N, C-alpha and C. Protein backbone atom coordinates (compact mmCIF):
# COMPACT_ATOMS: atom_id res chain seq x y z
N MET A 1 91.98 162.37 93.45
CA MET A 1 92.07 161.50 94.62
C MET A 1 90.77 160.71 94.78
N THR A 2 90.86 159.43 95.00
CA THR A 2 89.68 158.59 95.13
C THR A 2 88.92 158.90 96.42
N ASP A 3 87.63 158.52 96.45
CA ASP A 3 86.83 158.71 97.65
C ASP A 3 87.44 157.95 98.84
N GLU A 4 87.97 156.76 98.56
CA GLU A 4 88.56 155.94 99.62
C GLU A 4 89.76 156.64 100.24
N LEU A 5 90.59 157.25 99.41
CA LEU A 5 91.77 157.95 99.91
C LEU A 5 91.37 159.23 100.64
N GLN A 6 90.39 159.94 100.13
CA GLN A 6 89.90 161.13 100.82
C GLN A 6 89.37 160.77 102.20
N SER A 7 88.67 159.64 102.29
CA SER A 7 88.16 159.18 103.58
C SER A 7 89.30 158.88 104.54
N ALA A 8 90.38 158.30 104.05
CA ALA A 8 91.54 157.99 104.90
C ALA A 8 92.14 159.26 105.49
N PHE A 9 92.26 160.30 104.67
CA PHE A 9 92.78 161.58 105.18
C PHE A 9 91.84 162.17 106.22
N ARG A 10 90.53 162.03 106.01
CA ARG A 10 89.57 162.56 106.97
C ARG A 10 89.64 161.83 108.31
N VAL A 11 89.82 160.51 108.26
CA VAL A 11 89.91 159.72 109.49
C VAL A 11 91.04 160.24 110.38
N LEU A 12 92.17 160.58 109.77
CA LEU A 12 93.33 161.05 110.53
C LEU A 12 93.35 162.57 110.70
N GLU A 13 92.40 163.24 110.07
CA GLU A 13 92.30 164.70 110.13
C GLU A 13 93.59 165.37 109.66
N VAL A 14 94.06 164.92 108.49
CA VAL A 14 95.24 165.49 107.85
C VAL A 14 94.90 165.74 106.38
N THR A 15 95.82 166.38 105.67
CA THR A 15 95.66 166.66 104.25
C THR A 15 96.89 166.15 103.50
N PRO A 16 96.84 166.10 102.17
CA PRO A 16 98.03 165.68 101.41
C PRO A 16 99.23 166.60 101.60
N GLU A 17 99.00 167.82 102.12
CA GLU A 17 100.10 168.76 102.36
C GLU A 17 100.69 168.61 103.76
N THR A 18 100.09 167.80 104.60
CA THR A 18 100.59 167.62 105.97
C THR A 18 101.93 166.90 105.95
N PRO A 19 102.96 167.39 106.67
CA PRO A 19 104.24 166.67 106.75
C PRO A 19 104.05 165.28 107.33
N LEU A 20 104.88 164.35 106.88
CA LEU A 20 104.74 162.96 107.28
C LEU A 20 104.82 162.80 108.79
N ASP A 21 105.76 163.47 109.45
CA ASP A 21 105.90 163.33 110.90
C ASP A 21 104.65 163.83 111.63
N GLU A 22 104.07 164.92 111.14
CA GLU A 22 102.85 165.44 111.76
C GLU A 22 101.69 164.47 111.56
N ALA A 23 101.59 163.92 110.36
CA ALA A 23 100.53 162.94 110.09
C ALA A 23 100.68 161.71 110.97
N ARG A 24 101.94 161.30 111.18
CA ARG A 24 102.18 160.14 112.04
C ARG A 24 101.72 160.43 113.47
N SER A 25 101.94 161.64 113.94
CA SER A 25 101.49 162.00 115.29
C SER A 25 99.96 161.92 115.39
N HIS A 26 99.28 162.38 114.35
CA HIS A 26 97.81 162.27 114.33
C HIS A 26 97.39 160.80 114.41
N TYR A 27 98.08 159.98 113.64
CA TYR A 27 97.77 158.54 113.65
C TYR A 27 97.99 157.92 115.03
N LEU A 28 99.14 158.22 115.65
CA LEU A 28 99.46 157.62 116.94
C LEU A 28 98.52 158.12 118.04
N ASP A 29 98.09 159.37 117.94
CA ASP A 29 97.10 159.87 118.91
C ASP A 29 95.83 159.04 118.85
N ARG A 30 95.42 158.68 117.65
CA ARG A 30 94.19 157.90 117.49
C ARG A 30 94.37 156.45 117.89
N VAL A 31 95.56 155.91 117.65
CA VAL A 31 95.85 154.56 118.14
C VAL A 31 95.74 154.51 119.65
N LYS A 32 96.30 155.52 120.30
CA LYS A 32 96.25 155.58 121.76
C LYS A 32 94.81 155.74 122.25
N ALA A 33 94.04 156.58 121.58
CA ALA A 33 92.66 156.85 122.02
C ALA A 33 91.76 155.64 121.87
N TRP A 34 91.99 154.84 120.81
CA TRP A 34 91.07 153.74 120.51
C TRP A 34 91.64 152.37 120.81
N HIS A 35 92.80 152.30 121.46
CA HIS A 35 93.37 150.98 121.73
C HIS A 35 92.44 150.21 122.69
N PRO A 36 92.07 148.98 122.34
CA PRO A 36 91.11 148.22 123.16
C PRO A 36 91.51 148.04 124.61
N ASP A 37 92.81 148.05 124.91
CA ASP A 37 93.24 147.88 126.29
C ASP A 37 92.71 149.00 127.19
N ARG A 38 92.42 150.16 126.60
CA ARG A 38 91.88 151.27 127.39
C ARG A 38 90.42 151.03 127.77
N TYR A 39 89.81 150.03 127.15
CA TYR A 39 88.39 149.76 127.36
C TYR A 39 88.15 148.42 128.05
N THR A 40 89.18 147.92 128.73
CA THR A 40 89.09 146.61 129.37
C THR A 40 87.92 146.52 130.34
N TYR A 41 87.67 147.58 131.08
CA TYR A 41 86.63 147.54 132.10
C TYR A 41 85.37 148.30 131.67
N GLU A 42 85.28 148.59 130.38
CA GLU A 42 84.10 149.27 129.85
C GLU A 42 83.10 148.24 129.33
N PRO A 43 81.86 148.66 129.05
CA PRO A 43 80.88 147.74 128.47
C PRO A 43 81.37 147.14 127.15
N VAL A 44 80.87 145.96 126.85
CA VAL A 44 81.31 145.24 125.65
C VAL A 44 81.12 146.07 124.40
N ARG A 45 80.02 146.82 124.31
CA ARG A 45 79.75 147.60 123.10
C ARG A 45 80.85 148.64 122.84
N LEU A 46 81.44 149.18 123.94
CA LEU A 46 82.51 150.15 123.76
C LEU A 46 83.80 149.47 123.33
N LYS A 47 84.06 148.28 123.84
CA LYS A 47 85.25 147.54 123.41
C LYS A 47 85.16 147.19 121.93
N ILE A 48 83.96 146.79 121.49
CA ILE A 48 83.77 146.46 120.08
C ILE A 48 83.95 147.71 119.22
N LEU A 49 83.41 148.83 119.69
CA LEU A 49 83.57 150.08 118.96
C LEU A 49 85.04 150.47 118.85
N ALA A 50 85.79 150.31 119.95
CA ALA A 50 87.22 150.64 119.95
C ALA A 50 87.97 149.79 118.94
N GLU A 51 87.66 148.50 118.89
CA GLU A 51 88.33 147.61 117.94
C GLU A 51 88.04 148.03 116.50
N GLU A 52 86.79 148.41 116.25
CA GLU A 52 86.42 148.85 114.89
C GLU A 52 87.14 150.14 114.52
N LYS A 53 87.18 151.07 115.47
CA LYS A 53 87.84 152.35 115.21
C LYS A 53 89.33 152.16 114.97
N LEU A 54 89.95 151.27 115.76
CA LEU A 54 91.38 151.04 115.60
C LEU A 54 91.68 150.43 114.23
N ARG A 55 90.85 149.50 113.80
CA ARG A 55 91.04 148.93 112.46
C ARG A 55 90.90 150.01 111.39
N GLU A 56 89.93 150.90 111.57
CA GLU A 56 89.73 152.00 110.61
C GLU A 56 90.95 152.92 110.58
N VAL A 57 91.47 153.25 111.76
CA VAL A 57 92.64 154.13 111.85
C VAL A 57 93.86 153.48 111.21
N ASN A 58 94.11 152.21 111.49
CA ASN A 58 95.26 151.52 110.91
C ASN A 58 95.16 151.43 109.39
N ALA A 59 93.96 151.13 108.89
CA ALA A 59 93.76 151.06 107.44
C ALA A 59 93.98 152.42 106.79
N ALA A 60 93.49 153.47 107.44
CA ALA A 60 93.67 154.83 106.91
C ALA A 60 95.16 155.20 106.88
N TRP A 61 95.88 154.84 107.94
CA TRP A 61 97.30 155.19 108.00
C TRP A 61 98.10 154.50 106.90
N GLN A 62 97.80 153.27 106.59
CA GLN A 62 98.51 152.57 105.52
C GLN A 62 98.39 153.33 104.21
N LYS A 63 97.21 153.85 103.92
CA LYS A 63 97.00 154.59 102.67
C LYS A 63 97.68 155.95 102.71
N VAL A 64 97.49 156.67 103.82
CA VAL A 64 98.04 158.02 103.93
C VAL A 64 99.57 157.99 103.96
N GLU A 65 100.14 157.06 104.71
CA GLU A 65 101.60 156.97 104.80
C GLU A 65 102.21 156.73 103.43
N ALA A 66 101.61 155.85 102.64
CA ALA A 66 102.15 155.56 101.31
C ALA A 66 102.18 156.81 100.44
N ILE A 67 101.12 157.62 100.52
CA ILE A 67 101.07 158.85 99.72
C ILE A 67 102.11 159.87 100.20
N LEU A 68 102.15 160.11 101.50
CA LEU A 68 103.04 161.14 102.03
C LEU A 68 104.51 160.75 101.92
N LYS A 69 104.81 159.46 102.07
CA LYS A 69 106.20 159.02 101.90
C LYS A 69 106.67 159.26 100.47
N ASP A 70 105.79 158.99 99.53
CA ASP A 70 106.15 159.15 98.12
C ASP A 70 106.39 160.62 97.77
N ARG A 71 105.68 161.53 98.47
CA ARG A 71 105.82 162.95 98.18
C ARG A 71 106.91 163.62 99.00
N GLY A 72 107.32 162.97 100.07
CA GLY A 72 108.30 163.58 100.96
C GLY A 72 109.73 163.39 100.47
N PRO A 73 110.69 163.96 101.19
CA PRO A 73 112.10 163.80 100.82
C PRO A 73 112.53 162.35 100.92
N LYS A 74 113.38 161.93 99.98
CA LYS A 74 113.82 160.55 99.94
C LYS A 74 114.94 160.31 100.97
N ASP A 75 114.91 159.14 101.57
CA ASP A 75 115.96 158.79 102.51
C ASP A 75 117.28 158.62 101.78
N LEU A 76 118.35 158.94 102.48
CA LEU A 76 119.69 158.81 101.91
C LEU A 76 120.19 157.38 102.07
N ILE A 77 121.27 157.08 101.38
CA ILE A 77 121.81 155.72 101.31
C ILE A 77 123.13 155.66 102.06
N PRO A 78 123.29 154.72 103.01
CA PRO A 78 124.58 154.58 103.70
C PRO A 78 125.69 154.22 102.71
N MET A 79 126.87 154.79 102.94
CA MET A 79 128.01 154.53 102.06
C MET A 79 129.29 154.39 102.88
N ASP A 80 130.03 153.32 102.62
CA ASP A 80 131.33 153.09 103.25
C ASP A 80 132.40 153.77 102.40
N PHE A 81 133.07 154.75 103.00
CA PHE A 81 134.11 155.48 102.28
C PHE A 81 135.50 154.94 102.59
N GLY A 82 135.55 153.78 103.22
CA GLY A 82 136.84 153.19 103.55
C GLY A 82 137.36 153.73 104.87
N GLY A 83 136.88 153.18 105.96
CA GLY A 83 137.30 153.63 107.28
C GLY A 83 136.28 154.50 107.98
N SER A 84 135.36 155.06 107.25
CA SER A 84 134.28 155.84 107.86
C SER A 84 133.06 155.81 106.95
N TRP A 85 131.92 156.07 107.55
CA TRP A 85 130.65 156.00 106.83
C TRP A 85 130.00 157.36 106.72
N GLY A 86 129.30 157.57 105.60
CA GLY A 86 128.49 158.76 105.39
C GLY A 86 127.24 158.35 104.62
N PHE A 87 126.59 159.33 103.97
CA PHE A 87 125.36 159.06 103.24
C PHE A 87 125.38 159.79 101.91
N VAL A 88 124.83 159.12 100.89
CA VAL A 88 124.71 159.71 99.56
C VAL A 88 123.25 159.69 99.14
N ASP A 89 122.91 160.54 98.16
CA ASP A 89 121.55 160.49 97.61
C ASP A 89 121.50 159.44 96.50
N PRO A 90 120.31 159.18 95.94
CA PRO A 90 120.21 158.14 94.91
C PRO A 90 121.09 158.39 93.69
N ALA A 91 121.49 159.65 93.46
CA ALA A 91 122.37 159.95 92.32
C ALA A 91 123.84 159.77 92.67
N GLY A 92 124.13 159.45 93.93
CA GLY A 92 125.51 159.23 94.34
C GLY A 92 126.21 160.46 94.90
N ASN A 93 125.48 161.56 95.05
CA ASN A 93 126.09 162.77 95.62
C ASN A 93 126.22 162.63 97.13
N VAL A 94 127.37 163.02 97.67
CA VAL A 94 127.59 162.94 99.11
C VAL A 94 126.84 164.07 99.79
N LEU A 95 125.86 163.71 100.63
CA LEU A 95 125.08 164.72 101.34
C LEU A 95 125.39 164.77 102.82
N ILE A 96 125.88 163.68 103.38
CA ILE A 96 126.37 163.68 104.76
C ILE A 96 127.77 163.10 104.72
N ALA A 97 128.75 163.93 105.05
CA ALA A 97 130.16 163.55 104.90
C ALA A 97 130.51 162.33 105.74
N PRO A 98 131.44 161.51 105.27
CA PRO A 98 131.88 160.35 106.05
C PRO A 98 132.53 160.78 107.36
N GLN A 99 131.97 160.31 108.47
CA GLN A 99 132.46 160.72 109.79
C GLN A 99 132.10 159.71 110.87
N PHE A 100 131.35 158.65 110.49
CA PHE A 100 130.82 157.73 111.47
C PHE A 100 131.53 156.38 111.41
N VAL A 101 131.61 155.72 112.56
CA VAL A 101 132.20 154.39 112.64
C VAL A 101 131.25 153.35 112.04
N GLU A 102 129.96 153.57 112.21
CA GLU A 102 128.95 152.63 111.75
C GLU A 102 127.64 153.38 111.57
N VAL A 103 126.84 152.97 110.60
CA VAL A 103 125.54 153.60 110.37
C VAL A 103 124.53 152.53 109.98
N ARG A 104 123.24 152.91 110.06
CA ARG A 104 122.18 152.06 109.53
C ARG A 104 121.28 152.89 108.62
N SER A 105 120.43 152.22 107.87
CA SER A 105 119.55 152.91 106.93
C SER A 105 118.54 153.78 107.67
N PHE A 106 118.00 154.76 106.96
CA PHE A 106 116.99 155.64 107.53
C PHE A 106 115.69 154.90 107.80
N SER A 107 115.03 155.28 108.89
CA SER A 107 113.71 154.76 109.23
C SER A 107 112.92 155.92 109.84
N GLU A 108 111.80 156.24 109.23
CA GLU A 108 110.95 157.35 109.69
C GLU A 108 111.73 158.67 109.75
N GLY A 109 112.64 158.84 108.79
CA GLY A 109 113.35 160.12 108.68
C GLY A 109 114.61 160.24 109.50
N TYR A 110 115.02 159.17 110.20
CA TYR A 110 116.22 159.21 111.04
C TYR A 110 117.08 157.96 110.80
N ALA A 111 118.39 158.16 110.86
CA ALA A 111 119.32 157.04 110.70
C ALA A 111 120.17 156.90 111.95
N ALA A 112 120.32 155.67 112.42
CA ALA A 112 121.19 155.40 113.56
C ALA A 112 122.64 155.50 113.11
N VAL A 113 123.46 156.21 113.91
CA VAL A 113 124.88 156.37 113.61
C VAL A 113 125.69 156.15 114.88
N ARG A 114 126.88 155.59 114.70
CA ARG A 114 127.74 155.34 115.87
C ARG A 114 129.01 156.15 115.75
N MET A 115 129.28 156.91 116.81
CA MET A 115 130.53 157.63 116.96
C MET A 115 131.29 156.98 118.11
N THR A 116 132.47 156.48 117.86
CA THR A 116 133.25 155.68 118.83
C THR A 116 132.36 154.56 119.36
N GLU A 117 131.97 154.60 120.65
CA GLU A 117 131.23 153.48 121.23
C GLU A 117 129.74 153.77 121.42
N LYS A 118 129.27 154.95 121.09
CA LYS A 118 127.89 155.33 121.39
C LYS A 118 127.08 155.58 120.11
N TRP A 119 125.78 155.30 120.23
CA TRP A 119 124.85 155.46 119.11
C TRP A 119 123.97 156.70 119.30
N GLY A 120 123.65 157.34 118.17
CA GLY A 120 122.69 158.43 118.14
C GLY A 120 121.94 158.38 116.81
N PHE A 121 121.26 159.49 116.45
CA PHE A 121 120.49 159.54 115.21
C PHE A 121 120.68 160.87 114.52
N VAL A 122 120.76 160.83 113.18
CA VAL A 122 120.81 162.06 112.38
C VAL A 122 119.59 162.12 111.47
N ASP A 123 119.25 163.36 111.04
CA ASP A 123 118.17 163.53 110.07
C ASP A 123 118.76 163.58 108.66
N ASN A 124 117.92 163.87 107.67
CA ASN A 124 118.36 163.87 106.27
C ASN A 124 119.37 164.96 105.94
N ARG A 125 119.50 165.93 106.82
CA ARG A 125 120.49 166.99 106.62
C ARG A 125 121.80 166.73 107.35
N GLY A 126 121.84 165.63 108.09
CA GLY A 126 123.04 165.30 108.83
C GLY A 126 123.09 165.91 110.22
N ASN A 127 122.01 166.57 110.63
CA ASN A 127 121.95 167.15 111.97
C ASN A 127 121.56 166.08 112.98
N TYR A 128 122.14 166.18 114.16
CA TYR A 128 121.79 165.23 115.21
C TYR A 128 120.39 165.50 115.75
N ALA A 129 119.53 164.51 115.65
CA ALA A 129 118.25 164.56 116.35
C ALA A 129 118.41 163.96 117.74
N VAL A 130 119.28 162.96 117.83
CA VAL A 130 119.61 162.30 119.10
C VAL A 130 121.13 162.17 119.15
N HIS A 131 121.75 162.82 120.09
CA HIS A 131 123.22 162.77 120.19
C HIS A 131 123.68 161.38 120.62
N PRO A 132 124.89 160.99 120.20
CA PRO A 132 125.39 159.65 120.49
C PRO A 132 125.66 159.45 121.99
N THR A 133 124.68 158.86 122.67
CA THR A 133 124.80 158.63 124.11
C THR A 133 124.40 157.22 124.52
N TYR A 134 123.95 156.39 123.57
CA TYR A 134 123.37 155.10 123.93
C TYR A 134 124.28 153.93 123.54
N GLU A 135 124.26 152.91 124.39
CA GLU A 135 125.12 151.74 124.17
C GLU A 135 124.71 150.97 122.92
N GLU A 136 123.42 150.83 122.72
CA GLU A 136 122.86 150.19 121.53
C GLU A 136 121.53 150.87 121.23
N CYS A 137 121.00 150.61 120.05
CA CYS A 137 119.70 151.18 119.71
C CYS A 137 119.06 150.36 118.61
N GLY A 138 117.74 150.51 118.49
CA GLY A 138 117.01 149.94 117.36
C GLY A 138 116.82 151.01 116.30
N ASP A 139 115.73 150.91 115.55
CA ASP A 139 115.35 151.92 114.58
C ASP A 139 113.99 152.48 114.97
N PHE A 140 113.70 153.68 114.50
CA PHE A 140 112.42 154.29 114.83
C PHE A 140 111.27 153.52 114.18
N SER A 141 110.24 153.30 114.96
CA SER A 141 109.02 152.64 114.50
C SER A 141 107.84 153.25 115.25
N GLU A 142 106.88 153.78 114.51
CA GLU A 142 105.72 154.45 115.11
C GLU A 142 106.13 155.58 116.04
N GLY A 143 107.21 156.27 115.67
CA GLY A 143 107.64 157.45 116.41
C GLY A 143 108.49 157.19 117.63
N LEU A 144 108.74 155.92 117.97
CA LEU A 144 109.57 155.58 119.13
C LEU A 144 110.70 154.66 118.72
N CYS A 145 111.77 154.68 119.52
CA CYS A 145 112.93 153.85 119.22
C CYS A 145 113.48 153.25 120.51
N ALA A 146 113.84 151.97 120.45
CA ALA A 146 114.45 151.30 121.59
C ALA A 146 115.90 151.72 121.72
N VAL A 147 116.33 152.03 122.95
CA VAL A 147 117.73 152.38 123.21
C VAL A 147 118.19 151.65 124.48
N LYS A 148 119.47 151.33 124.50
CA LYS A 148 120.05 150.65 125.66
C LYS A 148 120.87 151.65 126.45
N TRP A 149 120.55 151.75 127.74
CA TRP A 149 121.19 152.75 128.62
C TRP A 149 121.54 152.05 129.92
N TYR A 150 122.85 151.99 130.23
CA TYR A 150 123.34 151.30 131.42
C TYR A 150 122.80 149.87 131.51
N GLY A 151 122.85 149.18 130.38
CA GLY A 151 122.54 147.76 130.37
C GLY A 151 121.07 147.41 130.28
N ARG A 152 120.18 148.40 130.22
CA ARG A 152 118.74 148.13 130.14
C ARG A 152 118.14 148.89 128.95
N TRP A 153 117.06 148.31 128.41
CA TRP A 153 116.41 148.89 127.25
C TRP A 153 115.18 149.71 127.65
N GLY A 154 115.03 150.87 126.98
CA GLY A 154 113.83 151.68 127.11
C GLY A 154 113.49 152.26 125.74
N PHE A 155 112.63 153.28 125.71
CA PHE A 155 112.21 153.86 124.43
C PHE A 155 112.27 155.38 124.50
N ILE A 156 112.80 155.98 123.42
CA ILE A 156 112.84 157.43 123.28
C ILE A 156 111.98 157.86 122.09
N ASN A 157 111.66 159.16 122.04
CA ASN A 157 111.06 159.71 120.83
C ASN A 157 112.12 160.47 120.04
N SER A 158 111.72 161.09 118.93
CA SER A 158 112.70 161.74 118.06
C SER A 158 113.27 163.02 118.67
N ASN A 159 112.70 163.49 119.78
CA ASN A 159 113.26 164.63 120.50
C ASN A 159 114.22 164.19 121.61
N ASP A 160 114.56 162.91 121.60
CA ASP A 160 115.47 162.32 122.59
C ASP A 160 114.89 162.37 124.00
N LYS A 161 113.57 162.34 124.09
CA LYS A 161 112.92 162.25 125.40
C LYS A 161 112.69 160.77 125.73
N MET A 162 113.08 160.36 126.93
CA MET A 162 112.89 158.98 127.35
C MET A 162 111.42 158.79 127.71
N VAL A 163 110.68 158.18 126.82
CA VAL A 163 109.24 158.01 126.99
C VAL A 163 108.94 156.83 127.93
N ILE A 164 109.70 155.75 127.80
CA ILE A 164 109.57 154.59 128.68
C ILE A 164 110.98 154.28 129.19
N ARG A 165 111.16 154.41 130.48
CA ARG A 165 112.52 154.38 131.04
C ARG A 165 113.19 153.02 130.83
N PRO A 166 114.53 152.98 130.75
CA PRO A 166 115.25 151.72 130.55
C PRO A 166 115.08 150.78 131.74
N GLN A 167 114.56 149.57 131.47
CA GLN A 167 114.34 148.59 132.52
C GLN A 167 114.21 147.17 131.98
N PHE A 168 114.20 147.01 130.65
CA PHE A 168 113.97 145.71 130.04
C PHE A 168 115.28 145.04 129.64
N GLN A 169 115.26 143.70 129.66
CA GLN A 169 116.42 142.94 129.19
C GLN A 169 116.42 142.80 127.66
N GLU A 170 115.24 142.75 127.07
CA GLU A 170 115.11 142.66 125.61
C GLU A 170 113.86 143.42 125.19
N VAL A 171 113.89 143.97 123.98
CA VAL A 171 112.71 144.66 123.44
C VAL A 171 112.67 144.44 121.93
N LYS A 172 111.48 144.66 121.37
CA LYS A 172 111.30 144.66 119.92
C LYS A 172 110.59 145.96 119.53
N PRO A 173 110.62 146.33 118.24
CA PRO A 173 110.03 147.61 117.83
C PRO A 173 108.51 147.65 118.05
N PHE A 174 107.99 148.86 118.13
CA PHE A 174 106.54 149.05 118.22
C PHE A 174 105.88 148.69 116.90
N HIS A 175 104.72 148.04 117.03
CA HIS A 175 103.90 147.71 115.86
C HIS A 175 102.45 147.69 116.31
N GLY A 176 101.65 148.53 115.67
CA GLY A 176 100.25 148.61 116.07
C GLY A 176 100.06 149.13 117.48
N GLY A 177 100.97 150.01 117.93
CA GLY A 177 100.85 150.61 119.24
C GLY A 177 101.40 149.79 120.38
N LEU A 178 102.01 148.63 120.09
CA LEU A 178 102.55 147.75 121.14
C LEU A 178 103.96 147.29 120.77
N ALA A 179 104.78 147.03 121.81
CA ALA A 179 106.12 146.48 121.61
C ALA A 179 106.30 145.26 122.51
N ASP A 180 106.91 144.21 122.00
CA ASP A 180 107.26 143.06 122.83
C ASP A 180 108.43 143.44 123.72
N VAL A 181 108.34 143.13 125.01
CA VAL A 181 109.40 143.45 125.96
C VAL A 181 109.61 142.27 126.91
N ARG A 182 110.85 142.13 127.37
CA ARG A 182 111.15 141.09 128.37
C ARG A 182 111.63 141.75 129.64
N LEU A 183 110.93 141.46 130.73
CA LEU A 183 111.28 141.97 132.05
C LEU A 183 111.57 140.76 132.92
N GLY A 184 112.85 140.53 133.25
CA GLY A 184 113.21 139.29 133.94
C GLY A 184 112.95 138.11 133.01
N PRO A 185 112.30 137.07 133.49
CA PRO A 185 112.06 135.90 132.65
C PRO A 185 110.78 136.01 131.82
N ARG A 186 110.00 137.08 132.00
CA ARG A 186 108.68 137.14 131.38
C ARG A 186 108.63 138.10 130.20
N TRP A 187 107.97 137.64 129.12
CA TRP A 187 107.71 138.50 127.97
C TRP A 187 106.30 139.08 128.09
N GLY A 188 106.15 140.31 127.61
CA GLY A 188 104.84 140.94 127.61
C GLY A 188 104.72 141.94 126.50
N LYS A 189 103.56 142.60 126.44
CA LYS A 189 103.29 143.66 125.47
C LYS A 189 103.26 144.99 126.21
N CYS A 190 104.03 145.94 125.71
CA CYS A 190 104.12 147.26 126.33
C CYS A 190 103.47 148.28 125.40
N ASP A 191 102.56 149.11 125.94
CA ASP A 191 101.97 150.15 125.11
C ASP A 191 102.80 151.43 125.20
N ARG A 192 102.36 152.47 124.55
CA ARG A 192 103.14 153.69 124.39
C ARG A 192 103.24 154.52 125.67
N VAL A 193 102.44 154.18 126.68
CA VAL A 193 102.53 154.90 127.95
C VAL A 193 103.17 154.04 129.03
N GLY A 194 103.74 152.88 128.65
CA GLY A 194 104.48 152.07 129.61
C GLY A 194 103.66 151.04 130.35
N GLN A 195 102.45 150.74 129.89
CA GLN A 195 101.65 149.70 130.53
C GLN A 195 101.97 148.36 129.89
N VAL A 196 102.31 147.38 130.71
CA VAL A 196 102.73 146.07 130.22
C VAL A 196 101.69 145.02 130.57
N THR A 197 101.34 144.19 129.59
CA THR A 197 100.51 143.02 129.82
C THR A 197 101.37 141.79 129.58
N PHE A 198 101.59 141.00 130.63
CA PHE A 198 102.42 139.81 130.50
C PHE A 198 101.65 138.72 129.77
N LEU A 199 102.36 137.95 128.97
CA LEU A 199 101.72 136.94 128.13
C LEU A 199 101.29 135.73 128.92
N ASN A 200 102.01 135.39 129.99
CA ASN A 200 101.64 134.24 130.80
C ASN A 200 100.75 134.70 131.95
N GLY A 201 99.48 134.45 131.82
CA GLY A 201 98.55 134.85 132.87
C GLY A 201 97.89 136.19 132.62
N ALA A 202 98.33 136.90 131.54
CA ALA A 202 97.72 138.17 131.15
C ALA A 202 97.68 139.18 132.29
N GLN A 203 98.68 139.13 133.16
CA GLN A 203 98.77 140.12 134.24
C GLN A 203 99.16 141.47 133.66
N THR A 204 98.48 142.52 134.07
CA THR A 204 98.73 143.86 133.55
C THR A 204 99.17 144.78 134.68
N PHE A 205 100.18 145.58 134.43
CA PHE A 205 100.57 146.59 135.42
C PHE A 205 101.20 147.77 134.70
N ARG A 206 101.22 148.90 135.40
CA ARG A 206 101.80 150.13 134.87
C ARG A 206 103.19 150.28 135.43
N LEU A 207 104.17 150.46 134.53
CA LEU A 207 105.55 150.64 134.95
C LEU A 207 105.72 152.00 135.59
N GLU A 208 106.72 152.10 136.47
CA GLU A 208 107.03 153.39 137.07
C GLU A 208 107.57 154.34 136.00
N ALA A 209 107.23 155.62 136.14
CA ALA A 209 107.70 156.61 135.17
C ALA A 209 109.19 156.84 135.32
């Protein structure tokens, strides 16, 4: 292992044997800790330090994720069996029996599946991580996924916990610790704890839990 790669593992405090999901949690904890928005009212030197640390964390995660993904279990492939969908491995073996009306490809170890009118998520073994209860959904990104509940969008984690309650008209996936969201006519950036900064006027407020 190169010195650069060893340094990346040290930044995230993980090892090559750490499961991908656990490593991702380490990464997201550091994104949250060093996100510059947390230092808005701090001295300039701390804001600059936070920006540097966040760049270091993101760079480390790109290297670590590539290694752990390559060593981890491979995602399965959606397959239409004629009237229902299931999943096969790269060799074509059926590993999740056809039983779904609609499916999407795996993302971060979970695949969106639709039973009748509702969406949920299964893991690589075909077990439900999120039972089909949502009107629509996105795909997992940075450990969170957008779901539509009673006409509004919010975000859940892989344990089906509603991390940011449904209240948006439109949302996009998380990237770099932030997700684009539309509340009424205004678009803004939402962080992982539900704090939104609107793009017009840079107004910031914390959403109700």
